[in-house]
N, C-alpha and C. Protein backbone atom coordinates (compact mmCIF):
# COMPACT_ATOMS: atom_id res chain seq x y z
N MET A 1 -43.39 11.21 -6.49
CA MET A 1 -44.71 10.82 -7.20
C MET A 1 -45.37 12.48 -6.97
N ASP A 2 -46.48 12.31 -7.84
CA ASP A 2 -46.81 14.00 -8.59
C ASP A 2 -48.37 13.59 -8.00
N VAL A 3 -49.19 14.49 -8.35
CA VAL A 3 -51.07 14.29 -7.69
C VAL A 3 -51.79 13.27 -9.40
N ALA A 4 -50.79 13.19 -10.34
CA ALA A 4 -51.30 12.40 -11.35
C ALA A 4 -51.37 11.02 -11.08
N LEU A 5 -49.80 10.48 -10.51
CA LEU A 5 -48.94 9.34 -10.42
C LEU A 5 -50.32 8.62 -9.04
N ALA A 6 -50.30 9.83 -7.75
CA ALA A 6 -50.89 10.04 -6.64
C ALA A 6 -52.41 9.12 -7.02
N THR A 7 -53.65 10.10 -7.79
CA THR A 7 -54.87 9.06 -8.70
C THR A 7 -54.91 8.60 -9.67
N ALA A 8 -53.18 7.82 -10.37
CA ALA A 8 -53.64 6.66 -11.30
C ALA A 8 -53.35 5.57 -9.86
N TRP A 9 -52.80 5.65 -8.97
CA TRP A 9 -52.73 4.25 -8.14
C TRP A 9 -54.19 4.40 -7.30
N LEU A 10 -54.70 5.60 -6.84
CA LEU A 10 -56.07 5.47 -6.49
C LEU A 10 -56.75 4.08 -7.06
N ARG A 11 -56.88 4.81 -8.37
CA ARG A 11 -57.96 4.40 -9.03
C ARG A 11 -57.26 2.52 -9.28
N ALA A 12 -55.82 2.35 -9.60
CA ALA A 12 -55.72 0.72 -9.84
C ALA A 12 -56.06 0.31 -8.90
N ALA A 13 -56.15 0.61 -7.37
CA ALA A 13 -56.46 -0.17 -6.28
C ALA A 13 -57.95 -0.19 -6.52
N ALA A 14 -58.62 0.74 -6.72
CA ALA A 14 -60.37 0.15 -7.15
C ALA A 14 -60.45 -0.61 -7.96
N GLY A 15 -59.90 -0.35 -9.06
CA GLY A 15 -59.84 -1.36 -10.11
C GLY A 15 -59.83 -2.80 -9.79
N SER A 16 -58.45 -2.96 -8.89
CA SER A 16 -58.21 -4.40 -8.43
C SER A 16 -58.72 -4.71 -7.19
N VAL A 17 -59.74 -3.82 -6.50
CA VAL A 17 -60.73 -4.31 -5.56
C VAL A 17 -61.54 -4.65 -6.27
N THR A 18 -62.07 -3.98 -7.15
CA THR A 18 -63.49 -4.23 -7.59
C THR A 18 -63.26 -5.73 -8.10
N ALA A 19 -62.35 -5.96 -8.67
CA ALA A 19 -62.08 -6.90 -9.48
C ALA A 19 -62.02 -8.23 -8.88
N GLU A 20 -61.76 -8.08 -7.43
CA GLU A 20 -61.26 -9.36 -6.40
C GLU A 20 -62.29 -9.22 -5.30
N ALA A 21 -63.28 -8.27 -5.73
CA ALA A 21 -64.18 -8.39 -4.61
C ALA A 21 -64.59 -9.59 -4.28
N ASP A 22 -65.00 -10.56 -5.39
CA ASP A 22 -65.12 -11.81 -4.87
C ASP A 22 -64.74 -12.81 -4.20
N LEU A 23 -63.44 -12.52 -4.27
CA LEU A 23 -62.21 -13.00 -3.81
C LEU A 23 -62.33 -12.75 -1.96
N LEU A 24 -61.99 -11.57 -2.17
CA LEU A 24 -62.40 -10.83 -0.63
C LEU A 24 -63.42 -11.21 0.30
N THR A 25 -64.67 -11.31 -0.51
CA THR A 25 -65.60 -11.78 0.21
C THR A 25 -65.99 -13.26 0.53
N ARG A 26 -65.22 -14.06 -0.28
CA ARG A 26 -65.11 -15.29 0.33
C ARG A 26 -64.15 -15.68 1.21
N LEU A 27 -62.89 -14.92 1.10
CA LEU A 27 -61.87 -15.40 1.96
C LEU A 27 -62.58 -14.40 3.33
N ASP A 28 -63.42 -13.40 3.68
CA ASP A 28 -63.89 -12.60 5.39
C ASP A 28 -65.20 -13.53 5.45
N ALA A 29 -66.03 -14.27 4.25
CA ALA A 29 -66.88 -15.09 5.06
C ALA A 29 -66.36 -16.62 5.23
N ALA A 30 -65.47 -16.94 5.19
CA ALA A 30 -64.85 -18.22 6.39
C ALA A 30 -64.61 -17.84 7.53
N ILE A 31 -64.16 -16.39 7.95
CA ILE A 31 -63.25 -15.68 9.14
C ILE A 31 -63.88 -14.59 9.94
N GLY A 32 -65.13 -14.15 9.17
CA GLY A 32 -65.42 -12.64 9.83
C GLY A 32 -67.02 -12.23 8.95
N ASP A 33 -67.16 -11.04 8.84
CA ASP A 33 -68.77 -10.74 8.47
C ASP A 33 -69.34 -11.36 7.34
N GLY A 34 -68.05 -11.73 6.11
CA GLY A 34 -68.44 -11.68 4.99
C GLY A 34 -68.45 -10.53 4.02
N ASP A 35 -68.35 -9.45 4.36
CA ASP A 35 -68.64 -8.32 3.70
C ASP A 35 -66.96 -7.29 3.18
N HIS A 36 -65.96 -8.35 3.25
CA HIS A 36 -65.11 -7.21 3.23
C HIS A 36 -64.69 -7.23 1.43
N GLY A 37 -65.39 -7.55 1.33
CA GLY A 37 -64.87 -7.14 -1.01
C GLY A 37 -66.35 -6.02 -0.67
N VAL A 38 -67.65 -6.15 -0.47
CA VAL A 38 -68.71 -5.42 -0.63
C VAL A 38 -67.78 -4.15 -0.35
N ASN A 39 -67.66 -4.08 0.75
CA ASN A 39 -67.15 -2.42 1.45
C ASN A 39 -66.24 -2.17 0.62
N MET A 40 -65.31 -2.94 0.20
CA MET A 40 -64.46 -2.42 0.22
C MET A 40 -64.14 -1.77 -1.30
N ARG A 41 -65.31 -2.57 -2.35
CA ARG A 41 -65.55 -1.87 -3.87
C ARG A 41 -66.67 -0.98 -3.41
N ARG A 42 -66.92 -0.92 -2.87
CA ARG A 42 -68.51 0.67 -2.36
C ARG A 42 -66.97 1.69 -2.00
N GLY A 43 -66.63 1.73 -1.14
CA GLY A 43 -65.33 2.64 -0.62
C GLY A 43 -65.03 3.30 -1.57
N PHE A 44 -64.13 2.74 -2.01
CA PHE A 44 -63.13 2.80 -3.51
C PHE A 44 -64.02 3.35 -4.71
N THR A 45 -65.12 2.55 -4.92
CA THR A 45 -65.84 3.23 -6.38
C THR A 45 -65.90 4.53 -5.59
N ALA A 46 -66.40 4.61 -4.15
CA ALA A 46 -66.61 6.17 -4.11
C ALA A 46 -65.06 7.54 -3.86
N VAL A 47 -63.78 6.49 -3.90
CA VAL A 47 -62.90 7.41 -4.02
C VAL A 47 -62.74 8.37 -5.28
N VAL A 48 -63.05 7.15 -6.39
CA VAL A 48 -63.02 7.57 -7.74
C VAL A 48 -63.98 8.40 -8.36
N THR A 49 -65.10 9.06 -7.78
CA THR A 49 -66.12 9.66 -7.81
C THR A 49 -65.17 11.38 -7.21
N VAL A 50 -64.61 11.04 -5.99
CA VAL A 50 -64.08 12.02 -5.91
C VAL A 50 -62.81 12.53 -6.74
N LEU A 51 -61.81 11.59 -7.05
CA LEU A 51 -60.77 11.94 -7.90
C LEU A 51 -61.29 12.80 -9.08
N ASP A 52 -62.66 11.85 -9.71
CA ASP A 52 -63.67 12.43 -11.05
C ASP A 52 -64.07 13.76 -10.99
N GLY A 53 -63.92 14.28 -9.86
CA GLY A 53 -64.76 15.86 -9.29
C GLY A 53 -64.24 16.68 -8.67
N THR A 54 -63.03 16.29 -8.26
CA THR A 54 -61.91 17.24 -8.08
C THR A 54 -60.55 16.97 -8.43
N GLU A 55 -59.92 18.79 -8.11
CA GLU A 55 -58.82 19.04 -9.28
C GLU A 55 -57.74 19.43 -7.73
N PHE A 56 -56.55 18.61 -7.56
CA PHE A 56 -56.05 18.45 -6.68
C PHE A 56 -54.61 19.52 -7.19
N THR A 57 -54.13 19.96 -5.94
CA THR A 57 -52.53 20.93 -6.26
C THR A 57 -51.62 20.04 -5.07
N ALA A 58 -52.20 19.70 -4.46
CA ALA A 58 -50.96 18.94 -3.64
C ALA A 58 -51.32 17.31 -3.52
N VAL A 59 -50.07 16.66 -3.66
CA VAL A 59 -50.11 15.40 -3.74
C VAL A 59 -50.69 14.55 -2.13
N GLY A 60 -50.37 15.21 -1.38
CA GLY A 60 -51.31 14.81 0.03
C GLY A 60 -52.50 14.90 0.17
N ASP A 61 -53.04 16.50 -0.49
CA ASP A 61 -54.88 16.08 -0.62
C ASP A 61 -55.49 15.01 -0.95
N VAL A 62 -54.58 14.59 -2.38
CA VAL A 62 -55.46 13.20 -2.39
C VAL A 62 -55.25 12.11 -1.90
N PHE A 63 -54.63 11.77 -0.84
CA PHE A 63 -54.60 10.38 -0.16
C PHE A 63 -55.54 10.97 1.05
N VAL A 64 -55.43 12.45 1.72
CA VAL A 64 -56.53 12.93 2.50
C VAL A 64 -57.95 12.88 2.24
N ARG A 65 -58.29 13.15 0.93
CA ARG A 65 -59.77 13.04 0.40
C ARG A 65 -60.24 11.61 0.69
N ALA A 66 -59.18 11.08 0.12
CA ALA A 66 -59.38 9.27 -0.31
C ALA A 66 -59.63 8.62 1.33
N GLY A 67 -59.19 9.22 2.08
CA GLY A 67 -58.65 8.35 3.25
C GLY A 67 -60.19 8.95 4.20
N ALA A 68 -60.95 10.06 3.75
CA ALA A 68 -61.99 10.91 4.87
C ALA A 68 -63.13 9.83 3.54
N THR A 69 -63.09 9.44 2.47
CA THR A 69 -63.92 8.97 1.78
C THR A 69 -64.04 7.78 2.57
N LEU A 70 -63.25 7.21 2.61
CA LEU A 70 -63.47 5.28 3.02
C LEU A 70 -63.39 5.57 4.31
N ILE A 71 -63.63 6.58 5.55
CA ILE A 71 -64.20 6.08 6.52
C ILE A 71 -65.32 6.56 6.12
N SER A 72 -66.12 7.28 5.59
CA SER A 72 -67.06 7.82 5.66
C SER A 72 -68.20 6.59 4.52
N LYS A 73 -67.60 5.51 3.92
CA LYS A 73 -68.10 4.96 2.53
C LYS A 73 -68.34 3.59 3.29
N VAL A 74 -67.62 3.15 3.37
CA VAL A 74 -66.87 1.62 3.91
C VAL A 74 -67.12 1.44 5.46
N GLY A 75 -68.28 0.50 5.35
CA GLY A 75 -68.56 0.26 7.02
C GLY A 75 -67.98 -1.06 7.25
N GLY A 76 -68.09 -1.21 8.42
CA GLY A 76 -67.20 -2.14 9.66
C GLY A 76 -66.08 -1.81 10.04
N ALA A 77 -64.82 -2.37 10.38
CA ALA A 77 -63.58 -1.81 10.84
C ALA A 77 -62.70 -1.48 9.76
N SER A 78 -63.07 -2.06 8.82
CA SER A 78 -61.98 -1.41 7.08
C SER A 78 -62.70 0.22 6.98
N GLY A 79 -63.59 0.85 6.84
CA GLY A 79 -63.14 2.04 6.48
C GLY A 79 -62.27 2.53 7.42
N PRO A 80 -62.75 2.56 8.84
CA PRO A 80 -62.14 3.68 10.20
C PRO A 80 -60.23 3.27 9.64
N LEU A 81 -60.09 2.06 9.36
CA LEU A 81 -58.66 1.60 9.69
C LEU A 81 -57.85 2.15 7.77
N TYR A 82 -58.69 1.33 6.77
CA TYR A 82 -58.05 2.28 5.59
C TYR A 82 -58.04 3.54 5.57
N GLY A 83 -58.69 4.24 5.90
CA GLY A 83 -59.56 5.49 5.84
C GLY A 83 -58.50 6.04 6.49
N SER A 84 -58.05 5.59 7.87
CA SER A 84 -57.06 6.18 8.41
C SER A 84 -55.80 6.15 8.28
N ALA A 85 -55.36 4.86 7.78
CA ALA A 85 -54.32 4.88 6.76
C ALA A 85 -53.94 6.00 5.91
N PHE A 86 -55.25 5.76 5.60
CA PHE A 86 -54.91 7.13 3.61
C PHE A 86 -54.51 8.69 4.33
N ARG A 87 -55.36 8.62 5.24
CA ARG A 87 -55.41 10.15 6.21
C ARG A 87 -54.01 10.53 5.98
N ALA A 88 -53.93 9.52 7.14
CA ALA A 88 -52.43 9.82 7.63
C ALA A 88 -51.27 9.52 6.82
N PHE A 89 -50.98 9.01 5.40
CA PHE A 89 -49.92 8.79 4.37
C PHE A 89 -49.67 10.10 3.70
N GLY A 90 -51.14 10.69 3.55
CA GLY A 90 -51.68 12.27 3.20
C GLY A 90 -50.80 13.20 3.96
N LYS A 91 -50.98 12.90 4.98
CA LYS A 91 -50.50 14.17 6.21
C LYS A 91 -49.07 14.36 5.93
N ALA A 92 -49.04 13.07 5.73
CA ALA A 92 -47.53 12.59 6.34
C ALA A 92 -46.63 13.45 5.06
N LEU A 93 -47.29 13.66 3.78
CA LEU A 93 -46.24 14.34 2.77
C LEU A 93 -45.81 16.01 3.33
N PRO A 94 -44.91 15.67 2.24
CA PRO A 94 -44.66 17.43 2.49
C PRO A 94 -45.85 18.36 1.53
N PRO A 95 -45.95 19.10 1.80
CA PRO A 95 -46.88 20.17 0.80
C PRO A 95 -45.95 20.36 -0.67
N GLY A 96 -47.07 20.23 -1.78
CA GLY A 96 -47.20 20.71 -2.25
C GLY A 96 -47.12 19.72 -3.75
N ALA A 97 -46.85 19.74 -4.73
CA ALA A 97 -47.36 18.99 -6.11
C ALA A 97 -46.33 17.75 -5.66
N ARG A 98 -45.28 17.47 -5.29
CA ARG A 98 -44.81 16.04 -5.59
C ARG A 98 -43.97 15.92 -4.36
N ALA A 99 -43.89 14.27 -4.25
CA ALA A 99 -43.43 14.30 -3.15
C ALA A 99 -41.69 13.18 -3.37
N ASP A 100 -40.73 12.89 -2.66
CA ASP A 100 -39.70 12.01 -3.08
C ASP A 100 -39.97 11.06 -2.71
N LEU A 101 -39.09 9.61 -2.64
CA LEU A 101 -39.00 8.68 -2.52
C LEU A 101 -38.79 8.68 -0.42
N PRO A 102 -38.19 9.37 -0.08
CA PRO A 102 -37.72 9.09 1.32
C PRO A 102 -39.05 9.72 1.88
N GLY A 103 -39.79 10.45 1.11
CA GLY A 103 -41.07 11.64 1.80
C GLY A 103 -42.65 10.14 1.67
N LEU A 104 -42.02 9.36 0.58
CA LEU A 104 -43.39 8.67 0.41
C LEU A 104 -42.92 7.49 1.47
N ALA A 105 -41.70 6.81 1.88
CA ALA A 105 -41.79 5.81 2.59
C ALA A 105 -41.95 6.42 4.29
N GLY A 106 -41.45 7.77 4.37
CA GLY A 106 -42.03 8.16 5.65
C GLY A 106 -43.96 8.42 5.78
N ALA A 107 -44.33 8.67 4.91
CA ALA A 107 -45.80 8.59 4.42
C ALA A 107 -46.24 7.12 5.15
N LEU A 108 -45.90 6.34 4.35
CA LEU A 108 -46.06 5.29 4.54
C LEU A 108 -46.44 4.28 5.83
N HIS A 109 -45.11 4.71 6.81
CA HIS A 109 -44.72 4.43 7.70
C HIS A 109 -46.19 5.02 8.41
N ALA A 110 -46.08 6.34 8.25
CA ALA A 110 -47.51 7.32 8.90
C ALA A 110 -48.74 6.31 9.19
N GLY A 111 -48.81 6.20 7.95
CA GLY A 111 -49.76 4.98 7.39
C GLY A 111 -50.17 3.98 8.37
N LEU A 112 -49.23 3.17 8.40
CA LEU A 112 -48.88 2.04 9.42
C LEU A 112 -48.70 2.02 10.75
N GLU A 113 -48.41 3.24 11.19
CA GLU A 113 -48.89 3.70 12.91
C GLU A 113 -50.45 3.89 12.77
N ALA A 114 -50.77 4.69 12.33
CA ALA A 114 -52.46 4.98 12.22
C ALA A 114 -53.03 3.88 12.34
N VAL A 115 -52.38 2.64 11.25
CA VAL A 115 -54.09 1.30 11.63
C VAL A 115 -53.24 0.43 12.86
N ARG A 116 -52.29 0.59 13.23
CA ARG A 116 -51.45 0.17 14.58
C ARG A 116 -52.18 0.63 15.79
N LYS A 117 -52.20 2.22 16.00
CA LYS A 117 -52.53 3.03 16.82
C LYS A 117 -54.30 2.35 16.97
N LEU A 118 -55.38 2.42 15.94
CA LEU A 118 -56.13 2.08 15.84
C LEU A 118 -57.01 0.99 16.08
N GLY A 119 -56.31 -0.11 15.71
CA GLY A 119 -56.41 -1.28 15.98
C GLY A 119 -55.79 -1.90 16.39
N GLY A 120 -54.76 -1.45 17.52
CA GLY A 120 -53.97 -2.49 18.32
C GLY A 120 -53.54 -3.56 17.73
N ALA A 121 -53.19 -3.69 16.56
CA ALA A 121 -52.64 -5.02 15.70
C ALA A 121 -51.31 -4.71 16.08
N GLN A 122 -50.27 -6.30 16.12
CA GLN A 122 -48.95 -6.47 15.62
C GLN A 122 -48.84 -7.47 14.77
N PRO A 123 -47.58 -7.24 14.20
CA PRO A 123 -47.36 -8.37 13.05
C PRO A 123 -47.91 -10.30 13.73
N GLY A 124 -48.22 -10.44 13.22
CA GLY A 124 -48.47 -11.93 13.66
C GLY A 124 -50.09 -12.00 14.09
N ASP A 125 -50.83 -11.27 14.11
CA ASP A 125 -52.27 -11.32 14.69
C ASP A 125 -53.38 -11.67 13.44
N LYS A 126 -52.73 -12.01 12.45
CA LYS A 126 -53.54 -11.35 11.55
C LYS A 126 -54.20 -11.09 11.02
N THR A 127 -53.83 -10.00 10.51
CA THR A 127 -54.33 -8.50 10.24
C THR A 127 -53.96 -7.91 8.73
N MET A 128 -54.39 -6.95 8.28
CA MET A 128 -53.60 -6.66 7.51
C MET A 128 -52.37 -5.84 7.21
N VAL A 129 -51.86 -5.60 9.01
CA VAL A 129 -50.26 -5.08 9.37
C VAL A 129 -50.02 -6.54 8.76
N ASP A 130 -50.02 -7.46 8.76
CA ASP A 130 -49.01 -8.43 8.36
C ASP A 130 -48.96 -8.51 6.55
N ALA A 131 -49.21 -8.05 6.28
CA ALA A 131 -49.22 -7.03 4.73
C ALA A 131 -48.23 -5.95 4.24
N TYR A 132 -48.95 -5.17 5.58
CA TYR A 132 -48.27 -3.79 5.21
C TYR A 132 -46.69 -3.76 5.93
N GLN A 133 -46.46 -4.09 6.98
CA GLN A 133 -45.83 -3.82 7.59
C GLN A 133 -44.34 -4.59 6.65
N PRO A 134 -44.51 -6.14 6.06
CA PRO A 134 -43.19 -6.35 5.23
C PRO A 134 -43.70 -5.08 4.05
N ALA A 135 -44.33 -5.19 3.78
CA ALA A 135 -44.12 -4.31 2.59
C ALA A 135 -43.55 -2.79 2.65
N LEU A 136 -43.97 -2.14 3.49
CA LEU A 136 -42.79 -1.03 4.19
C LEU A 136 -40.93 -1.02 4.48
N THR A 137 -41.18 -2.34 4.86
CA THR A 137 -39.59 -2.53 5.08
C THR A 137 -38.91 -3.04 3.88
N ALA A 138 -39.46 -3.42 3.28
CA ALA A 138 -39.17 -3.90 2.03
C ALA A 138 -38.53 -2.09 1.08
N PHE A 139 -40.02 -1.30 1.34
CA PHE A 139 -39.59 -0.28 0.31
C PHE A 139 -38.98 0.52 1.20
N GLU A 140 -39.19 0.69 2.31
CA GLU A 140 -37.41 1.51 3.15
C GLU A 140 -36.12 0.69 2.61
N GLU A 141 -35.62 -0.16 2.67
CA GLU A 141 -34.77 -1.20 2.55
C GLU A 141 -34.55 -0.88 0.89
N ALA A 142 -35.42 -0.46 0.04
CA ALA A 142 -35.17 -0.24 -1.72
C ALA A 142 -34.82 0.90 -1.66
N VAL A 143 -35.73 2.17 -0.74
CA VAL A 143 -35.24 3.55 -0.75
C VAL A 143 -33.53 3.42 -0.65
N ALA A 144 -33.46 2.59 0.87
CA ALA A 144 -32.31 3.33 1.62
C ALA A 144 -30.81 2.59 0.18
N GLY A 145 -31.37 1.95 -0.11
CA GLY A 145 -30.42 0.82 -1.47
C GLY A 145 -30.19 1.81 -2.91
N GLY A 146 -30.43 2.94 -2.66
CA GLY A 146 -30.69 4.17 -4.11
C GLY A 146 -31.56 3.28 -4.95
N ALA A 147 -32.99 2.42 -4.82
CA ALA A 147 -33.72 2.25 -5.90
C ALA A 147 -34.43 3.39 -6.36
N ALA A 148 -35.14 3.15 -7.59
CA ALA A 148 -36.39 4.21 -7.99
C ALA A 148 -37.56 3.36 -7.48
N LEU A 149 -38.35 4.55 -7.87
CA LEU A 149 -39.86 4.05 -7.31
C LEU A 149 -40.49 2.91 -8.10
N PRO A 150 -39.90 2.50 -9.25
CA PRO A 150 -40.72 1.51 -9.41
C PRO A 150 -40.05 0.12 -8.91
N GLU A 151 -38.70 0.34 -9.01
CA GLU A 151 -37.92 -1.06 -8.17
C GLU A 151 -38.35 -0.93 -6.28
N ALA A 152 -38.95 -0.29 -6.14
CA ALA A 152 -39.47 -0.18 -4.46
C ALA A 152 -40.86 -0.60 -4.22
N ALA A 153 -41.63 0.03 -4.93
CA ALA A 153 -42.64 -0.49 -5.23
C ALA A 153 -43.06 -1.84 -5.15
N ALA A 154 -42.59 -2.59 -6.11
CA ALA A 154 -42.62 -4.06 -6.90
C ALA A 154 -41.68 -4.49 -6.08
N GLY A 155 -40.88 -4.36 -5.39
CA GLY A 155 -40.38 -4.94 -3.91
C GLY A 155 -41.79 -5.11 -2.32
N ALA A 156 -42.19 -3.56 -2.21
CA ALA A 156 -43.39 -3.92 -1.71
C ALA A 156 -44.24 -4.03 -1.56
N ALA A 157 -44.35 -5.08 -2.92
CA ALA A 157 -46.13 -6.21 -3.51
C ALA A 157 -45.41 -7.32 -3.23
N ARG A 158 -44.43 -7.37 -3.71
CA ARG A 158 -43.91 -8.71 -3.07
C ARG A 158 -43.98 -9.07 -2.00
N ALA A 159 -43.59 -8.39 -0.72
CA ALA A 159 -43.66 -8.15 0.41
C ALA A 159 -44.92 -8.80 0.74
N ALA A 160 -45.25 -7.71 0.23
CA ALA A 160 -47.22 -7.65 1.20
C ALA A 160 -48.25 -9.04 0.26
N GLY A 161 -47.73 -9.47 -0.70
CA GLY A 161 -48.40 -10.69 -1.08
C GLY A 161 -48.10 -11.58 0.04
N ASP A 162 -46.45 -11.60 0.09
CA ASP A 162 -46.02 -12.93 0.51
C ASP A 162 -46.57 -13.16 2.22
N GLY A 163 -46.70 -11.09 2.94
CA GLY A 163 -47.40 -11.43 3.73
C GLY A 163 -48.73 -11.88 4.09
N ALA A 164 -49.33 -11.97 2.92
CA ALA A 164 -50.75 -11.73 3.16
C ALA A 164 -51.01 -13.55 2.83
N ARG A 165 -50.05 -13.58 2.65
CA ARG A 165 -50.13 -16.02 2.12
C ARG A 165 -49.98 -16.42 3.47
N ALA A 166 -49.01 -15.94 4.04
CA ALA A 166 -48.71 -16.08 5.50
C ALA A 166 -49.51 -15.92 6.68
N THR A 167 -50.52 -15.26 6.22
CA THR A 167 -51.28 -15.14 7.39
C THR A 167 -52.72 -16.92 7.78
N THR A 168 -51.91 -17.56 6.46
CA THR A 168 -53.24 -18.23 6.59
C THR A 168 -52.50 -19.77 7.51
N SER A 169 -51.94 -19.72 7.69
CA SER A 169 -51.76 -20.92 8.93
C SER A 169 -51.10 -19.88 10.62
N LEU A 170 -51.77 -18.37 10.74
CA LEU A 170 -51.66 -17.83 11.61
C LEU A 170 -53.37 -18.00 12.52
N THR A 171 -52.86 -17.80 13.56
CA THR A 171 -54.35 -17.97 14.35
C THR A 171 -55.13 -16.06 14.81
N ALA A 172 -55.75 -16.17 14.21
CA ALA A 172 -56.37 -14.85 14.64
C ALA A 172 -56.12 -13.75 16.12
N ARG A 173 -55.86 -12.83 16.56
CA ARG A 173 -55.53 -12.05 17.55
C ARG A 173 -56.51 -11.43 17.66
N LYS A 174 -57.08 -10.60 16.71
CA LYS A 174 -57.61 -9.23 16.46
C LYS A 174 -58.80 -8.96 15.47
N GLY A 175 -59.70 -8.48 16.10
CA GLY A 175 -60.76 -8.65 14.82
C GLY A 175 -61.76 -9.29 14.83
N ARG A 176 -62.82 -9.58 14.05
CA ARG A 176 -63.86 -10.55 14.43
C ARG A 176 -63.63 -11.87 14.37
N ALA A 177 -62.21 -12.11 13.31
CA ALA A 177 -61.61 -13.75 13.36
C ALA A 177 -61.20 -13.89 14.62
N SER A 178 -61.08 -13.35 14.98
CA SER A 178 -60.27 -13.99 16.81
C SER A 178 -61.39 -14.71 17.44
N TYR A 179 -62.81 -13.88 17.29
CA TYR A 179 -63.64 -14.84 18.05
C TYR A 179 -63.54 -16.00 17.54
N LEU A 180 -62.90 -16.68 17.01
CA LEU A 180 -63.11 -18.30 16.07
C LEU A 180 -62.00 -18.95 16.94
N GLY A 181 -61.12 -18.22 17.60
CA GLY A 181 -59.92 -18.86 18.11
C GLY A 181 -59.08 -19.90 17.26
N GLU A 182 -58.58 -20.96 17.72
CA GLU A 182 -58.07 -22.18 16.60
C GLU A 182 -58.08 -22.01 15.46
N ARG A 183 -59.95 -21.67 15.14
CA ARG A 183 -60.45 -22.33 13.79
C ARG A 183 -60.15 -21.37 13.18
N SER A 184 -59.28 -19.91 13.02
CA SER A 184 -59.26 -19.21 12.18
C SER A 184 -57.53 -19.52 11.44
N ALA A 185 -57.15 -20.38 11.87
CA ALA A 185 -55.84 -21.10 11.63
C ALA A 185 -56.72 -21.33 10.34
N GLY A 186 -55.60 -21.54 9.16
CA GLY A 186 -56.32 -22.27 7.67
C GLY A 186 -56.90 -21.04 6.97
N HIS A 187 -56.94 -20.20 7.37
CA HIS A 187 -57.87 -19.29 6.26
C HIS A 187 -56.71 -17.69 6.18
N GLN A 188 -56.72 -17.65 4.64
CA GLN A 188 -56.19 -16.22 4.33
C GLN A 188 -56.83 -14.65 5.36
N ASP A 189 -56.38 -14.04 5.72
CA ASP A 189 -56.59 -12.51 6.25
C ASP A 189 -56.87 -11.69 4.85
N PRO A 190 -58.29 -11.84 4.96
CA PRO A 190 -59.09 -10.63 3.76
C PRO A 190 -58.23 -9.22 4.14
N GLY A 191 -58.12 -9.26 5.25
CA GLY A 191 -57.38 -8.10 5.46
C GLY A 191 -56.16 -7.51 4.88
N ALA A 192 -55.28 -8.71 4.38
CA ALA A 192 -53.44 -8.77 4.57
C ALA A 192 -54.03 -8.37 2.87
N THR A 193 -55.13 -9.44 2.33
CA THR A 193 -55.01 -9.42 1.02
C THR A 193 -55.23 -8.44 0.18
N SER A 194 -56.41 -7.32 0.49
CA SER A 194 -56.72 -5.96 -0.10
C SER A 194 -55.21 -5.23 0.07
N THR A 195 -55.14 -5.15 1.65
CA THR A 195 -53.68 -4.47 1.43
C THR A 195 -52.47 -4.62 -0.04
N TRP A 196 -52.78 -6.28 0.25
CA TRP A 196 -51.36 -6.60 -1.25
C TRP A 196 -52.43 -5.96 -2.15
N LEU A 197 -53.43 -5.93 -2.68
CA LEU A 197 -54.05 -5.51 -3.96
C LEU A 197 -53.52 -3.99 -3.67
N ILE A 198 -53.44 -3.20 -3.11
CA ILE A 198 -53.17 -2.14 -2.84
C ILE A 198 -52.03 -1.56 -3.11
N PHE A 199 -50.96 -2.63 -2.76
CA PHE A 199 -49.68 -2.45 -2.38
C PHE A 199 -49.07 -2.86 -4.00
N GLN A 200 -49.38 -3.74 -4.78
CA GLN A 200 -49.59 -4.37 -5.85
C GLN A 200 -50.53 -2.93 -7.26
N ALA A 201 -50.76 -2.33 -6.90
CA ALA A 201 -51.43 -1.09 -7.58
C ALA A 201 -50.74 -0.30 -7.61
N LEU A 202 -50.10 0.04 -6.52
CA LEU A 202 -48.86 1.12 -6.92
C LEU A 202 -47.67 0.30 -7.95
N ALA A 203 -47.66 -1.01 -7.45
CA ALA A 203 -46.27 -1.19 -8.71
C ALA A 203 -47.01 -1.89 -9.95
N ASP A 204 -47.85 -1.62 -10.17
CA ASP A 204 -48.66 -1.89 -11.06
C ASP A 204 -48.50 -0.44 -12.13
N VAL A 205 -48.94 0.53 -11.57
CA VAL A 205 -48.82 2.17 -12.33
C VAL A 205 -47.58 2.54 -12.00
N THR A 206 -46.35 2.49 -11.69
CA THR A 206 -45.26 2.16 -11.73
C THR A 206 -44.26 1.93 -12.51
N ALA A 207 -44.83 0.46 -12.84
CA ALA A 207 -43.81 -0.21 -13.59
C ALA A 207 -43.40 0.46 -14.84
N PRO A 208 -41.95 0.13 -15.22
CA PRO A 208 -41.97 0.81 -16.11
C PRO A 208 -42.04 -0.17 -18.20
């Protein structure tokens, strides 16, 4: 991954989050504050503004700046969680204009660990971790098997989508949705859904 691909991924994620903002808001209205779509759209719009106005020479810096922007612009828990994930991802990448596949896998792992450290969520808690963890596992397995980035990204996106859909049957144990107890079951988690959109954006921009 180089700087051009990093910025393309974030722009694609911004476009997807914007296009699906109403869906994310509907999902969040069922079990949360109802503002996830609006907040994510605002944050990624700000990220695009930063990308437009900055010339990057290191690929990791792209994600560090994006993460800092999300932390400052996105309300609720989403800003710190997604912002911390992207900042950790960027900081874990090797210095320079390019990152190889093992480096990307390590950075994705660092991003997940940042999310889990901040929010305390585990798989099965009905959070973004339920999409991120299987996506990371699929990406790592693809890289270990010798796959190129398009194949690894596509596998991660499929796993994230499956993980997001699987949250529908779960009872929330973290976040605002946990206040509903058993009533949170039957609704797909909005954070897991937006996480899937971000991984799908990577698959889209790397597809042959």
